[in-house]
Amino acid sequence: MRGCLLAFRLILISPVIHCKMAFFHNSVATEFQSVNKLILNSLQSDVGLVENIGSYIVDSGGKRLRPVLVLLSALANNYQSKKNNHIKLAAVIEFIHTATLLHDDVVDVSALRRGRETANEIWGNAPSVLVGDFLYSRAFQMLVEVADLNIMRVFADATNVISEGEVQQMANAGNPNIDEDTYTQVIYRKTAKLFEAGMECGALLAGADKIAMNQYGKHLGMAFQIADDVLDLQGDVAIIGKNIGDDLNEGKMTLPLIYARDHADPAESQIIQQAIKERSAENFDQILKIVSKTGGIDYSLSRATEHSQLANDALKALPESPYKQVLSKLASFAVSRDV
């Protein structure tokens, strides 16, 4: 019976990929399928709740972008090995990312992610946190199998930095005086660091220079997060899979809000600051008009574009290949996307 259940879930585990993302997954289609199979097998546990929650969050239709980045980094640097360690690392990074999502949703009291109820909304906070811990520990079990101390160091450092970013963001929630430098620190730690780690480890697997991949991952992650913060204000909930205005409800000063606060007249600036203090999206429509009028959206997208260009610049060190071309397109997509 268990075998039948696992076989059925194997059909379900492939993420629901938005058509604009399909190109990137198709570029590593065979490897991507192997990653999904490994993720499924690695979720098995004698504790049913662990398997249920882990499967729910992993199967929930995410972009599965970080595993794709690991694969592209390794292959763009001519990784060739029968050990298929790039498949293992791609699964590792997805587990680490998924663990952070479980923890984030508890901290942020989120009820919706990827268009579905969050795990904490269904099972409660304690099970979600503990299953997040399980996924972290399973990721490091798999890293031991790869048996590369340099790669283990990169992921260990990354998870530590991500945790710092989560604490920093939590400490800043409800603070309307956050400046752009602090915002940049937080999104680097919470988002870009894992992009950076995945790209760097792909290069390490291939025995290639890690600096170019490190810089590509860092700037791609920064571009993605800034674009995400813009989408929180003007995205389509049916497409992005989360409630618009969540950042306001969580008291997060994102780049569009920071810019608008600093360039609006005093009365309008106060409206933004009050919303952050109260952690409320009640005046969302008015705030969106202020952000648009002051150029907060355009400024944020210009900063995202700068990071996208820096990511593309880092690719100059790579030999020409179809994988390099995909990475270049991905850097541009980071800014232009609607998902």
C-alpha atoms as a PDB file:
ATOM      1  CA  MET A   1       0.000   0.000   0.000  1.00  0.00           C
ATOM      2  CA  ARG A   2       2.846   2.373   0.901  1.00  0.00           C
ATOM      3  CA  GLY A   3       4.516   1.679  -2.437  1.00  0.00           C
ATOM      4  CA  CYS A   4       1.309   2.553  -4.284  1.00  0.00           C
ATOM      5  CA  LEU A   5       0.982   5.765  -2.297  1.00  0.00           C
ATOM      6  CA  LEU A   6       4.559   6.777  -3.089  1.00  0.00           C
ATOM      7  CA  ALA A   7       4.065   5.972  -6.759  1.00  0.00           C
ATOM      8  CA  PHE A   8       0.967   8.161  -6.804  1.00  0.00           C
ATOM      9  CA  ARG A   9       2.787  11.015  -5.097  1.00  0.00           C
ATOM     10  CA  LEU A  10       5.619  10.752  -7.604  1.00  0.00           C
ATOM     11  CA  ILE A  11       3.147  11.848 -10.245  1.00  0.00           C
ATOM     12  CA  LEU A  12       2.135  14.811  -8.113  1.00  0.00           C
ATOM     13  CA  ILE A  13       5.557  15.977  -7.010  1.00  0.00           C
ATOM     14  CA  SER A  14       6.522  17.791 -10.192  1.00  0.00           C
ATOM     15  CA  PRO A  15       5.854  21.433  -9.371  1.00  0.00           C
ATOM     16  CA  VAL A  16       3.219  23.416 -11.229  1.00  0.00           C
ATOM     17  CA  ILE A  17       5.467  25.532 -13.406  1.00  0.00           C
ATOM     18  CA  HIS A  18       4.186  28.812 -14.789  1.00  0.00           C
ATOM     19  CA  CYS A  19       4.585  28.812 -18.572  1.00  0.00           C
ATOM     20  CA  LYS A  20       7.142  31.631 -18.410  1.00  0.00           C
ATOM     21  CA  MET A  21       9.302  29.510 -16.103  1.00  0.00           C
ATOM     22  CA  ALA A  22       9.063  26.337 -18.193  1.00  0.00           C
ATOM     23  CA  PHE A  23      11.965  27.304 -20.461  1.00  0.00           C
ATOM     24  CA  PHE A  24      14.440  27.259 -17.573  1.00  0.00           C
ATOM     25  CA  HIS A  25      13.266  23.889 -16.269  1.00  0.00           C
ATOM     26  CA  ASN A  26      13.184  22.367 -19.736  1.00  0.00           C
ATOM     27  CA  SER A  27      16.849  23.268 -20.228  1.00  0.00           C
ATOM     28  CA  VAL A  28      17.737  20.678 -17.567  1.00  0.00           C
ATOM     29  CA  ALA A  29      14.658  18.473 -17.935  1.00  0.00           C
ATOM     30  CA  THR A  30      16.308  15.085 -17.381  1.00  0.00           C
ATOM     31  CA  GLU A  31      18.276  16.239 -14.363  1.00  0.00           C
ATOM     32  CA  PHE A  32      15.253  18.081 -12.982  1.00  0.00           C
ATOM     33  CA  GLN A  33      13.176  14.895 -13.086  1.00  0.00           C
ATOM     34  CA  SER A  34      15.921  13.092 -11.169  1.00  0.00           C
ATOM     35  CA  VAL A  35      15.918  15.849  -8.544  1.00  0.00           C
ATOM     36  CA  ASN A  36      12.164  15.491  -8.055  1.00  0.00           C
ATOM     37  CA  LYS A  37      12.491  11.724  -7.603  1.00  0.00           C
ATOM     38  CA  LEU A  38      15.257  12.204  -5.050  1.00  0.00           C
ATOM     39  CA  ILE A  39      13.210  14.792  -3.163  1.00  0.00           C
ATOM     40  CA  LEU A  40      10.309  12.363  -2.963  1.00  0.00           C
ATOM     41  CA  ASN A  41      12.467   9.496  -1.743  1.00  0.00           C
ATOM     42  CA  SER A  42      14.216  11.695   0.813  1.00  0.00           C
ATOM     43  CA  LEU A  43      10.903  12.820   2.316  1.00  0.00           C
ATOM     44  CA  GLN A  44      10.109   9.328   3.534  1.00  0.00           C
ATOM     45  CA  SER A  45       9.790   9.041   7.292  1.00  0.00           C
ATOM     46  CA  ASP A  46       8.336   6.596   9.795  1.00  0.00           C
ATOM     47  CA  VAL A  47       6.570   9.586  11.344  1.00  0.00           C
ATOM     48  CA  GLY A  48       3.493  10.192   9.228  1.00  0.00           C
ATOM     49  CA  LEU A  49       3.091  13.875  10.094  1.00  0.00           C
ATOM     50  CA  VAL A  50       6.637  14.616   8.951  1.00  0.00           C
ATOM     51  CA  GLU A  51       5.939  13.054   5.570  1.00  0.00           C
ATOM     52  CA  ASN A  52       2.534  14.709   5.204  1.00  0.00           C
ATOM     53  CA  ILE A  53       3.695  18.240   5.941  1.00  0.00           C
ATOM     54  CA  GLY A  54       6.949  17.843   4.033  1.00  0.00           C
ATOM     55  CA  SER A  55       5.118  16.553   0.982  1.00  0.00           C
ATOM     56  CA  TYR A  56       2.479  19.270   1.208  1.00  0.00           C
ATOM     57  CA  ILE A  57       4.949  22.128   1.150  1.00  0.00           C
ATOM     58  CA  VAL A  58       7.317  20.567  -1.416  1.00  0.00           C
ATOM     59  CA  ASP A  59       4.402  19.654  -3.725  1.00  0.00           C
ATOM     60  CA  SER A  60       2.799  23.070  -3.478  1.00  0.00           C
ATOM     61  CA  GLY A  61       3.626  24.374  -6.936  1.00  0.00           C
ATOM     62  CA  GLY A  62       6.716  26.479  -6.322  1.00  0.00           C
ATOM     63  CA  LYS A  63       9.048  27.611  -9.068  1.00  0.00           C
ATOM     64  CA  ARG A  64      11.716  25.151  -7.842  1.00  0.00           C
ATOM     65  CA  LEU A  65      14.208  27.766  -9.050  1.00  0.00           C
ATOM     66  CA  ARG A  66      17.070  27.118  -6.632  1.00  0.00           C
ATOM     67  CA  PRO A  67      17.544  23.474  -7.672  1.00  0.00           C
ATOM     68  CA  VAL A  68      17.560  24.581 -11.309  1.00  0.00           C
ATOM     69  CA  LEU A  69      20.301  27.087 -10.499  1.00  0.00           C
ATOM     70  CA  VAL A  70      22.484  24.382  -8.942  1.00  0.00           C
ATOM     71  CA  LEU A  71      22.050  22.213 -12.031  1.00  0.00           C
ATOM     72  CA  LEU A  72      22.752  25.072 -14.433  1.00  0.00           C
ATOM     73  CA  SER A  73      25.820  26.175 -12.495  1.00  0.00           C
ATOM     74  CA  ALA A  74      27.323  22.689 -12.488  1.00  0.00           C
ATOM     75  CA  LEU A  75      26.550  22.002 -16.149  1.00  0.00           C
ATOM     76  CA  ALA A  76      27.650  25.450 -17.349  1.00  0.00           C
ATOM     77  CA  ASN A  77      31.006  24.698 -15.728  1.00  0.00           C
ATOM     78  CA  ASN A  78      31.240  21.307 -17.503  1.00  0.00           C
ATOM     79  CA  TYR A  79      30.484  19.106 -14.503  1.00  0.00           C
ATOM     80  CA  GLN A  80      30.724  15.437 -15.492  1.00  0.00           C
ATOM     81  CA  SER A  81      30.516  12.653 -12.949  1.00  0.00           C
ATOM     82  CA  LYS A  82      28.668   9.372 -12.570  1.00  0.00           C
ATOM     83  CA  LYS A  83      28.136  10.234  -8.910  1.00  0.00           C
ATOM     84  CA  ASN A  84      25.442  12.759  -9.946  1.00  0.00           C
ATOM     85  CA  ASN A  85      26.243  14.959  -6.959  1.00  0.00           C
ATOM     86  CA  HIS A  86      24.656  17.918  -8.744  1.00  0.00           C
ATOM     87  CA  ILE A  87      21.318  16.088  -8.368  1.00  0.00           C
ATOM     88  CA  LYS A  88      21.914  15.669  -4.632  1.00  0.00           C
ATOM     89  CA  LEU A  89      22.873  19.308  -4.158  1.00  0.00           C
ATOM     90  CA  ALA A  90      19.813  20.453  -6.079  1.00  0.00           C
ATOM     91  CA  ALA A  91      17.628  18.451  -3.674  1.00  0.00           C
ATOM     92  CA  VAL A  92      19.597  19.771  -0.698  1.00  0.00           C
ATOM     93  CA  ILE A  93      18.984  23.394  -1.621  1.00  0.00           C
ATOM     94  CA  GLU A  94      15.269  22.759  -2.141  1.00  0.00           C
ATOM     95  CA  PHE A  95      15.014  21.214   1.330  1.00  0.00           C
ATOM     96  CA  ILE A  96      16.852  24.134   2.911  1.00  0.00           C
ATOM     97  CA  HIS A  97      14.623  26.603   1.078  1.00  0.00           C
ATOM     98  CA  THR A  98      11.479  24.691   2.030  1.00  0.00           C
ATOM     99  CA  ALA A  99      12.554  24.638   5.675  1.00  0.00           C
ATOM    100  CA  THR A 100      12.926  28.415   5.631  1.00  0.00           C
ATOM    101  CA  LEU A 101       9.429  28.752   4.121  1.00  0.00           C
ATOM    102  CA  LEU A 102       7.906  26.668   6.899  1.00  0.00           C
ATOM    103  CA  HIS A 103       9.648  28.769   9.524  1.00  0.00           C
ATOM    104  CA  ASP A 104       8.911  32.073   7.757  1.00  0.00           C
ATOM    105  CA  ASP A 105       5.196  31.365   7.530  1.00  0.00           C
ATOM    106  CA  VAL A 106       5.047  30.750  11.271  1.00  0.00           C
ATOM    107  CA  VAL A 107       7.004  33.915  12.090  1.00  0.00           C
ATOM    108  CA  ASP A 108       4.967  36.014   9.639  1.00  0.00           C
ATOM    109  CA  VAL A 109       1.648  34.381  10.617  1.00  0.00           C
ATOM    110  CA  SER A 110       1.020  33.776   6.912  1.00  0.00           C
ATOM    111  CA  ALA A 111      -2.143  31.981   5.831  1.00  0.00           C
ATOM    112  CA  LEU A 112      -1.479  31.726   2.083  1.00  0.00           C
ATOM    113  CA  ARG A 113       1.533  30.682   0.023  1.00  0.00           C
ATOM    114  CA  ARG A 114       1.618  29.699  -3.646  1.00  0.00           C
ATOM    115  CA  GLY A 115      -2.148  30.028  -3.776  1.00  0.00           C
ATOM    116  CA  ARG A 116      -2.757  27.436  -1.025  1.00  0.00           C
ATOM    117  CA  GLU A 117      -3.139  27.477   2.728  1.00  0.00           C
ATOM    118  CA  THR A 118       0.190  27.419   4.515  1.00  0.00           C
ATOM    119  CA  ALA A 119       1.212  24.356   6.524  1.00  0.00           C
ATOM    120  CA  ASN A 120       0.906  26.294   9.788  1.00  0.00           C
ATOM    121  CA  GLU A 121      -2.633  27.282   8.852  1.00  0.00           C
ATOM    122  CA  ILE A 122      -3.568  23.609   8.433  1.00  0.00           C
ATOM    123  CA  TRP A 123      -1.491  21.780  11.044  1.00  0.00           C
ATOM    124  CA  GLY A 124      -0.476  24.570  13.418  1.00  0.00           C
ATOM    125  CA  ASN A 125       2.771  26.332  14.269  1.00  0.00           C
ATOM    126  CA  ALA A 126       4.572  23.655  16.273  1.00  0.00           C
ATOM    127  CA  PRO A 127       4.361  20.873  13.654  1.00  0.00           C
ATOM    128  CA  SER A 128       5.421  23.312  10.920  1.00  0.00           C
ATOM    129  CA  VAL A 129       8.516  24.425  12.818  1.00  0.00           C
ATOM    130  CA  LEU A 130       9.506  20.871  13.693  1.00  0.00           C
ATOM    131  CA  VAL A 131       9.086  19.589  10.139  1.00  0.00           C
ATOM    132  CA  GLY A 132      11.179  22.544   8.987  1.00  0.00           C
ATOM    133  CA  ASP A 133      13.865  21.284  11.367  1.00  0.00           C
ATOM    134  CA  PHE A 134      13.514  17.801   9.862  1.00  0.00           C
ATOM    135  CA  LEU A 135      14.079  19.172   6.365  1.00  0.00           C
ATOM    136  CA  TYR A 136      17.158  21.083   7.511  1.00  0.00           C
ATOM    137  CA  SER A 137      18.637  17.973   9.094  1.00  0.00           C
ATOM    138  CA  ARG A 138      17.773  15.800   6.089  1.00  0.00           C
ATOM    139  CA  ALA A 139      19.541  18.321   3.841  1.00  0.00           C
ATOM    140  CA  PHE A 140      22.718  18.020   5.883  1.00  0.00           C
ATOM    141  CA  GLN A 141      22.485  14.221   5.886  1.00  0.00           C
ATOM    142  CA  MET A 142      22.513  14.397   2.104  1.00  0.00           C
ATOM    143  CA  LEU A 143      25.442  16.825   2.160  1.00  0.00           C
ATOM    144  CA  VAL A 144      27.444  14.259   4.106  1.00  0.00           C
ATOM    145  CA  GLU A 145      26.860  11.833   1.225  1.00  0.00           C
ATOM    146  CA  VAL A 146      28.433  14.336  -1.172  1.00  0.00           C
ATOM    147  CA  ALA A 147      31.451  14.354   1.180  1.00  0.00           C
ATOM    148  CA  ASP A 148      32.950  17.668   0.100  1.00  0.00           C
ATOM    149  CA  LEU A 149      34.028  19.823   3.029  1.00  0.00           C
ATOM    150  CA  ASN A 150      34.124  23.022   0.977  1.00  0.00           C
ATOM    151  CA  ILE A 151      30.554  22.518  -0.201  1.00  0.00           C
ATOM    152  CA  MET A 152      29.392  21.669   3.322  1.00  0.00           C
ATOM    153  CA  ARG A 153      31.038  24.863   4.547  1.00  0.00           C
ATOM    154  CA  VAL A 154      29.210  26.968   1.948  1.00  0.00           C
ATOM    155  CA  PHE A 155      25.803  25.569   2.905  1.00  0.00           C
ATOM    156  CA  ALA A 156      26.521  25.713   6.645  1.00  0.00           C
ATOM    157  CA  ASP A 157      27.524  29.371   6.340  1.00  0.00           C
ATOM    158  CA  ALA A 158      24.500  30.115   4.154  1.00  0.00           C
ATOM    159  CA  THR A 159      21.973  28.644   6.601  1.00  0.00           C
ATOM    160  CA  ASN A 160      23.571  30.660   9.398  1.00  0.00           C
ATOM    161  CA  VAL A 161      23.353  33.891   7.403  1.00  0.00           C
ATOM    162  CA  ILE A 162      19.740  33.137   6.435  1.00  0.00           C
ATOM    163  CA  SER A 163      18.860  32.704  10.105  1.00  0.00           C
ATOM    164  CA  GLU A 164      20.474  36.054  10.891  1.00  0.00           C
ATOM    165  CA  GLY A 165      18.411  37.642   8.151  1.00  0.00           C
ATOM    166  CA  GLU A 166      15.198  36.188   9.536  1.00  0.00           C
ATOM    167  CA  VAL A 167      15.982  37.517  13.006  1.00  0.00           C
ATOM    168  CA  GLN A 168      16.942  40.917  11.578  1.00  0.00           C
ATOM    169  CA  GLN A 169      13.707  41.138   9.608  1.00  0.00           C
ATOM    170  CA  MET A 170      11.651  40.111  12.625  1.00  0.00           C
ATOM    171  CA  ALA A 171      13.376  42.725  14.793  1.00  0.00           C
ATOM    172  CA  ASN A 172      12.642  45.386  12.169  1.00  0.00           C
ATOM    173  CA  ALA A 173       8.961  44.473  11.691  1.00  0.00           C
ATOM    174  CA  GLY A 174       6.766  47.455  12.415  1.00  0.00           C
ATOM    175  CA  ASN A 175       9.672  49.886  12.163  1.00  0.00           C
ATOM    176  CA  PRO A 176       8.889  52.559   9.540  1.00  0.00           C
ATOM    177  CA  ASN A 177      12.371  54.110   9.762  1.00  0.00           C
ATOM    178  CA  ILE A 178      14.285  51.322   7.998  1.00  0.00           C
ATOM    179  CA  ASP A 179      16.645  52.735   5.352  1.00  0.00           C
ATOM    180  CA  GLU A 180      17.705  51.238   2.038  1.00  0.00           C
ATOM    181  CA  ASP A 181      21.026  49.962   3.386  1.00  0.00           C
ATOM    182  CA  THR A 182      19.282  47.935   6.091  1.00  0.00           C
ATOM    183  CA  TYR A 183      16.736  46.650   3.584  1.00  0.00           C
ATOM    184  CA  THR A 184      19.577  45.543   1.309  1.00  0.00           C
ATOM    185  CA  GLN A 185      21.273  43.676   4.164  1.00  0.00           C
ATOM    186  CA  VAL A 186      18.075  41.816   4.999  1.00  0.00           C
ATOM    187  CA  ILE A 187      17.226  40.688   1.473  1.00  0.00           C
ATOM    188  CA  TYR A 188      20.805  39.606   0.867  1.00  0.00           C
ATOM    189  CA  ARG A 189      20.704  37.423   3.980  1.00  0.00           C
ATOM    190  CA  LYS A 190      17.186  36.085   3.562  1.00  0.00           C
ATOM    191  CA  THR A 191      17.110  35.526  -0.203  1.00  0.00           C
ATOM    192  CA  ALA A 192      20.277  36.209  -2.165  1.00  0.00           C
ATOM    193  CA  LYS A 193      22.571  34.198   0.114  1.00  0.00           C
ATOM    194  CA  LEU A 194      20.961  30.884  -0.820  1.00  0.00           C
ATOM    195  CA  PHE A 195      21.050  31.765  -4.540  1.00  0.00           C
ATOM    196  CA  GLU A 196      24.723  32.570  -4.084  1.00  0.00           C
ATOM    197  CA  ALA A 197      25.415  29.314  -2.232  1.00  0.00           C
ATOM    198  CA  GLY A 198      23.709  27.159  -4.858  1.00  0.00           C
ATOM    199  CA  MET A 199      25.597  28.725  -7.743  1.00  0.00           C
ATOM    200  CA  GLU A 200      28.900  28.578  -5.874  1.00  0.00           C
ATOM    201  CA  CYS A 201      28.477  24.893  -5.020  1.00  0.00           C
ATOM    202  CA  GLY A 202      27.665  24.028  -8.624  1.00  0.00           C
ATOM    203  CA  ALA A 203      31.019  25.506  -9.600  1.00  0.00           C
ATOM    204  CA  LEU A 204      32.825  23.730  -6.749  1.00  0.00           C
ATOM    205  CA  LEU A 205      31.418  20.404  -7.934  1.00  0.00           C
ATOM    206  CA  ALA A 206      32.841  21.066 -11.379  1.00  0.00           C
ATOM    207  CA  GLY A 207      36.213  22.160 -10.021  1.00  0.00           C
ATOM    208  CA  ALA A 208      35.696  25.602 -11.579  1.00  0.00           C
ATOM    209  CA  ASP A 209      36.301  29.138 -10.339  1.00  0.00           C
ATOM    210  CA  LYS A 210      33.554  29.828  -7.825  1.00  0.00           C
ATOM    211  CA  ILE A 211      33.821  33.640  -7.839  1.00  0.00           C
ATOM    212  CA  ALA A 212      31.836  34.232 -11.035  1.00  0.00           C
ATOM    213  CA  MET A 213      29.043  31.906  -9.943  1.00  0.00           C
ATOM    214  CA  ASN A 214      29.017  33.436  -6.465  1.00  0.00           C
ATOM    215  CA  GLN A 215      28.510  36.912  -7.916  1.00  0.00           C
ATOM    216  CA  TYR A 216      25.894  35.725 -10.395  1.00  0.00           C
ATOM    217  CA  GLY A 217      23.881  34.048  -7.637  1.00  0.00           C
ATOM    218  CA  LYS A 218      24.132  37.018  -5.300  1.00  0.00           C
ATOM    219  CA  HIS A 219      22.924  39.572  -7.830  1.00  0.00           C
ATOM    220  CA  LEU A 220      20.258  37.281  -9.280  1.00  0.00           C
ATOM    221  CA  GLY A 221      18.870  36.759  -5.778  1.00  0.00           C
ATOM    222  CA  MET A 222      18.843  40.492  -5.089  1.00  0.00           C
ATOM    223  CA  ALA A 223      17.022  41.166  -8.361  1.00  0.00           C
ATOM    224  CA  PHE A 224      14.451  38.452  -7.625  1.00  0.00           C
ATOM    225  CA  GLN A 225      13.692  39.742  -4.142  1.00  0.00           C
ATOM    226  CA  ILE A 226      13.322  43.374  -5.154  1.00  0.00           C
ATOM    227  CA  ALA A 227      11.006  42.279  -7.972  1.00  0.00           C
ATOM    228  CA  ASP A 228       9.045  40.202  -5.427  1.00  0.00           C
ATOM    229  CA  ASP A 229       8.591  43.272  -3.268  1.00  0.00           C
ATOM    230  CA  VAL A 230       7.220  45.175  -6.251  1.00  0.00           C
ATOM    231  CA  LEU A 231       4.846  42.300  -7.022  1.00  0.00           C
ATOM    232  CA  ASP A 232       3.570  42.466  -3.441  1.00  0.00           C
ATOM    233  CA  LEU A 233       2.167  45.861  -4.334  1.00  0.00           C
ATOM    234  CA  GLN A 234       0.964  45.371  -7.883  1.00  0.00           C
ATOM    235  CA  GLY A 235       0.984  41.659  -8.656  1.00  0.00           C
ATOM    236  CA  ASP A 236      -1.965  39.432  -9.456  1.00  0.00           C
ATOM    237  CA  VAL A 237      -2.811  37.169  -6.507  1.00  0.00           C
ATOM    238  CA  ALA A 238      -4.048  34.476  -8.906  1.00  0.00           C
ATOM    239  CA  ILE A 239      -0.602  34.396 -10.529  1.00  0.00           C
ATOM    240  CA  ILE A 240       1.834  35.048  -7.686  1.00  0.00           C
ATOM    241  CA  GLY A 241      -0.064  32.850  -5.233  1.00  0.00           C
ATOM    242  CA  LYS A 242      -0.019  35.121  -2.204  1.00  0.00           C
ATOM    243  CA  ASN A 243      -2.114  37.958  -0.871  1.00  0.00           C
ATOM    244  CA  ILE A 244      -1.261  41.391  -2.238  1.00  0.00           C
ATOM    245  CA  GLY A 245      -0.176  43.757   0.526  1.00  0.00           C
ATOM    246  CA  ASP A 246       1.228  41.024   2.769  1.00  0.00           C
ATOM    247  CA  ASP A 247       4.349  43.108   3.404  1.00  0.00           C
ATOM    248  CA  LEU A 248       2.221  45.896   4.853  1.00  0.00           C
ATOM    249  CA  ASN A 249       0.334  43.432   7.031  1.00  0.00           C
ATOM    250  CA  GLU A 250       3.662  42.092   8.308  1.00  0.00           C
ATOM    251  CA  GLY A 251       5.104  45.560   8.929  1.00  0.00           C
ATOM    252  CA  LYS A 252       7.917  45.175   6.381  1.00  0.00           C
ATOM    253  CA  MET A 253       9.488  48.278   4.894  1.00  0.00           C
ATOM    254  CA  THR A 254      10.343  47.162   1.380  1.00  0.00           C
ATOM    255  CA  LEU A 255      12.249  49.208  -1.187  1.00  0.00           C
ATOM    256  CA  PRO A 256       9.193  50.709  -2.955  1.00  0.00           C
ATOM    257  CA  LEU A 257       7.817  51.822   0.427  1.00  0.00           C
ATOM    258  CA  ILE A 258      11.177  53.199   1.591  1.00  0.00           C
ATOM    259  CA  TYR A 259      11.566  55.267  -1.556  1.00  0.00           C
ATOM    260  CA  ALA A 260       7.975  56.535  -1.389  1.00  0.00           C
ATOM    261  CA  ARG A 261       8.319  57.422   2.302  1.00  0.00           C
ATOM    262  CA  ASP A 262      11.400  59.512   1.546  1.00  0.00           C
ATOM    263  CA  HIS A 263       9.967  61.268  -1.530  1.00  0.00           C
ATOM    264  CA  ALA A 264       6.317  61.822  -0.614  1.00  0.00           C
ATOM    265  CA  ASP A 265       4.996  64.923   1.079  1.00  0.00           C
ATOM    266  CA  PRO A 266       4.860  64.719   4.900  1.00  0.00           C
ATOM    267  CA  ALA A 267       1.186  63.744   5.067  1.00  0.00           C
ATOM    268  CA  GLU A 268       1.559  60.926   2.545  1.00  0.00           C
ATOM    269  CA  SER A 269       4.788  59.751   4.140  1.00  0.00           C
ATOM    270  CA  GLN A 270       2.950  59.537   7.438  1.00  0.00           C
ATOM    271  CA  ILE A 271       0.293  57.289   5.889  1.00  0.00           C
ATOM    272  CA  ILE A 272       2.986  54.780   4.889  1.00  0.00           C
ATOM    273  CA  GLN A 273       4.715  54.966   8.261  1.00  0.00           C
ATOM    274  CA  GLN A 274       1.466  54.477  10.142  1.00  0.00           C
ATOM    275  CA  ALA A 275       0.560  51.423   8.064  1.00  0.00           C
ATOM    276  CA  ILE A 276       3.927  49.856   8.907  1.00  0.00           C
ATOM    277  CA  LYS A 277       3.589  50.663  12.603  1.00  0.00           C
ATOM    278  CA  GLU A 278       0.085  49.177  12.707  1.00  0.00           C
ATOM    279  CA  ARG A 279       1.024  46.304  10.367  1.00  0.00           C
ATOM    280  CA  SER A 280      -2.058  47.019   8.322  1.00  0.00           C
ATOM    281  CA  ALA A 281      -2.911  47.015   4.621  1.00  0.00           C
ATOM    282  CA  GLU A 282      -6.189  48.819   5.264  1.00  0.00           C
ATOM    283  CA  ASN A 283      -5.045  51.828   3.203  1.00  0.00           C
ATOM    284  CA  PHE A 284      -3.425  49.672   0.523  1.00  0.00           C
ATOM    285  CA  ASP A 285      -4.990  51.428  -2.491  1.00  0.00           C
ATOM    286  CA  GLN A 286      -3.959  54.848  -1.213  1.00  0.00           C
ATOM    287  CA  ILE A 287      -0.442  53.666  -0.424  1.00  0.00           C
ATOM    288  CA  LEU A 288      -0.072  52.103  -3.878  1.00  0.00           C
ATOM    289  CA  LYS A 289      -1.007  55.448  -5.442  1.00  0.00           C
ATOM    290  CA  ILE A 290       1.606  57.204  -3.297  1.00  0.00           C
ATOM    291  CA  VAL A 291       4.279  54.656  -4.194  1.00  0.00           C
ATOM    292  CA  SER A 292       3.475  54.948  -7.906  1.00  0.00           C
ATOM    293  CA  LYS A 293       3.276  58.752  -7.854  1.00  0.00           C
ATOM    294  CA  THR A 294       6.621  59.184  -6.112  1.00  0.00           C
ATOM    295  CA  GLY A 295       8.368  56.746  -8.444  1.00  0.00           C
ATOM    296  CA  GLY A 296       8.850  54.015  -5.868  1.00  0.00           C
ATOM    297  CA  ILE A 297       7.940  51.259  -8.323  1.00  0.00           C
ATOM    298  CA  ASP A 298      10.197  52.602 -11.078  1.00  0.00           C
ATOM    299  CA  TYR A 299      13.096  53.160  -8.693  1.00  0.00           C
ATOM    300  CA  SER A 300      12.824  49.649  -7.288  1.00  0.00           C
ATOM    301  CA  LEU A 301      12.714  48.078 -10.729  1.00  0.00           C
ATOM    302  CA  SER A 302      15.748  50.129 -11.756  1.00  0.00           C
ATOM    303  CA  ARG A 303      17.670  48.764  -8.756  1.00  0.00           C
ATOM    304  CA  ALA A 304      16.548  45.244  -9.656  1.00  0.00           C
ATOM    305  CA  THR A 305      17.733  45.839 -13.221  1.00  0.00           C
ATOM    306  CA  GLU A 306      21.157  46.931 -11.948  1.00  0.00           C
ATOM    307  CA  HIS A 307      21.502  43.635 -10.088  1.00  0.00           C
ATOM    308  CA  SER A 308      20.300  41.742 -13.155  1.00  0.00           C
ATOM    309  CA  GLN A 309      22.996  43.397 -15.255  1.00  0.00           C
ATOM    310  CA  LEU A 310      25.660  42.597 -12.660  1.00  0.00           C
ATOM    311  CA  ALA A 311      24.529  38.969 -12.719  1.00  0.00           C
ATOM    312  CA  ASN A 312      24.899  38.923 -16.487  1.00  0.00           C
ATOM    313  CA  ASP A 313      28.337  40.540 -16.242  1.00  0.00           C
ATOM    314  CA  ALA A 314      29.485  37.704 -13.987  1.00  0.00           C
ATOM    315  CA  LEU A 315      28.686  35.198 -16.736  1.00  0.00           C
ATOM    316  CA  LYS A 316      31.445  36.586 -18.961  1.00  0.00           C
ATOM    317  CA  ALA A 317      33.891  34.294 -17.162  1.00  0.00           C
ATOM    318  CA  LEU A 318      31.988  31.191 -18.329  1.00  0.00           C
ATOM    319  CA  PRO A 319      32.666  29.302 -21.562  1.00  0.00           C
ATOM    320  CA  GLU A 320      29.912  29.577 -24.159  1.00  0.00           C
ATOM    321  CA  SER A 321      27.213  26.919 -23.794  1.00  0.00           C
ATOM    322  CA  PRO A 322      23.432  26.529 -23.906  1.00  0.00           C
ATOM    323  CA  TYR A 323      23.451  26.580 -20.086  1.00  0.00           C
ATOM    324  CA  LYS A 324      25.194  29.944 -20.034  1.00  0.00           C
ATOM    325  CA  GLN A 325      22.530  31.300 -22.384  1.00  0.00           C
ATOM    326  CA  VAL A 326      19.793  30.071 -20.051  1.00  0.00           C
ATOM    327  CA  LEU A 327      21.465  31.739 -17.073  1.00  0.00           C
ATOM    328  CA  SER A 328      21.626  34.993 -19.027  1.00  0.00           C
ATOM    329  CA  LYS A 329      17.929  34.822 -19.884  1.00  0.00           C
ATOM    330  CA  LEU A 330      17.124  34.039 -16.275  1.00  0.00           C
ATOM    331  CA  ALA A 331      18.880  37.205 -15.137  1.00  0.00           C
ATOM    332  CA  SER A 332      16.653  39.265 -17.420  1.00  0.00           C
ATOM    333  CA  PHE A 333      13.545  37.324 -16.445  1.00  0.00           C
ATOM    334  CA  ALA A 334      14.173  38.121 -12.766  1.00  0.00           C
ATOM    335  CA  VAL A 335      13.085  41.708 -13.360  1.00  0.00           C
ATOM    336  CA  SER A 336      10.416  41.303 -16.053  1.00  0.00           C
ATOM    337  CA  ARG A 337       8.478  38.415 -14.476  1.00  0.00           C
ATOM    338  CA  ASP A 338       4.968  38.455 -13.020  1.00  0.00           C
ATOM    339  CA  VAL A 339       5.383  35.294 -10.898  1.00  0.00           C
END
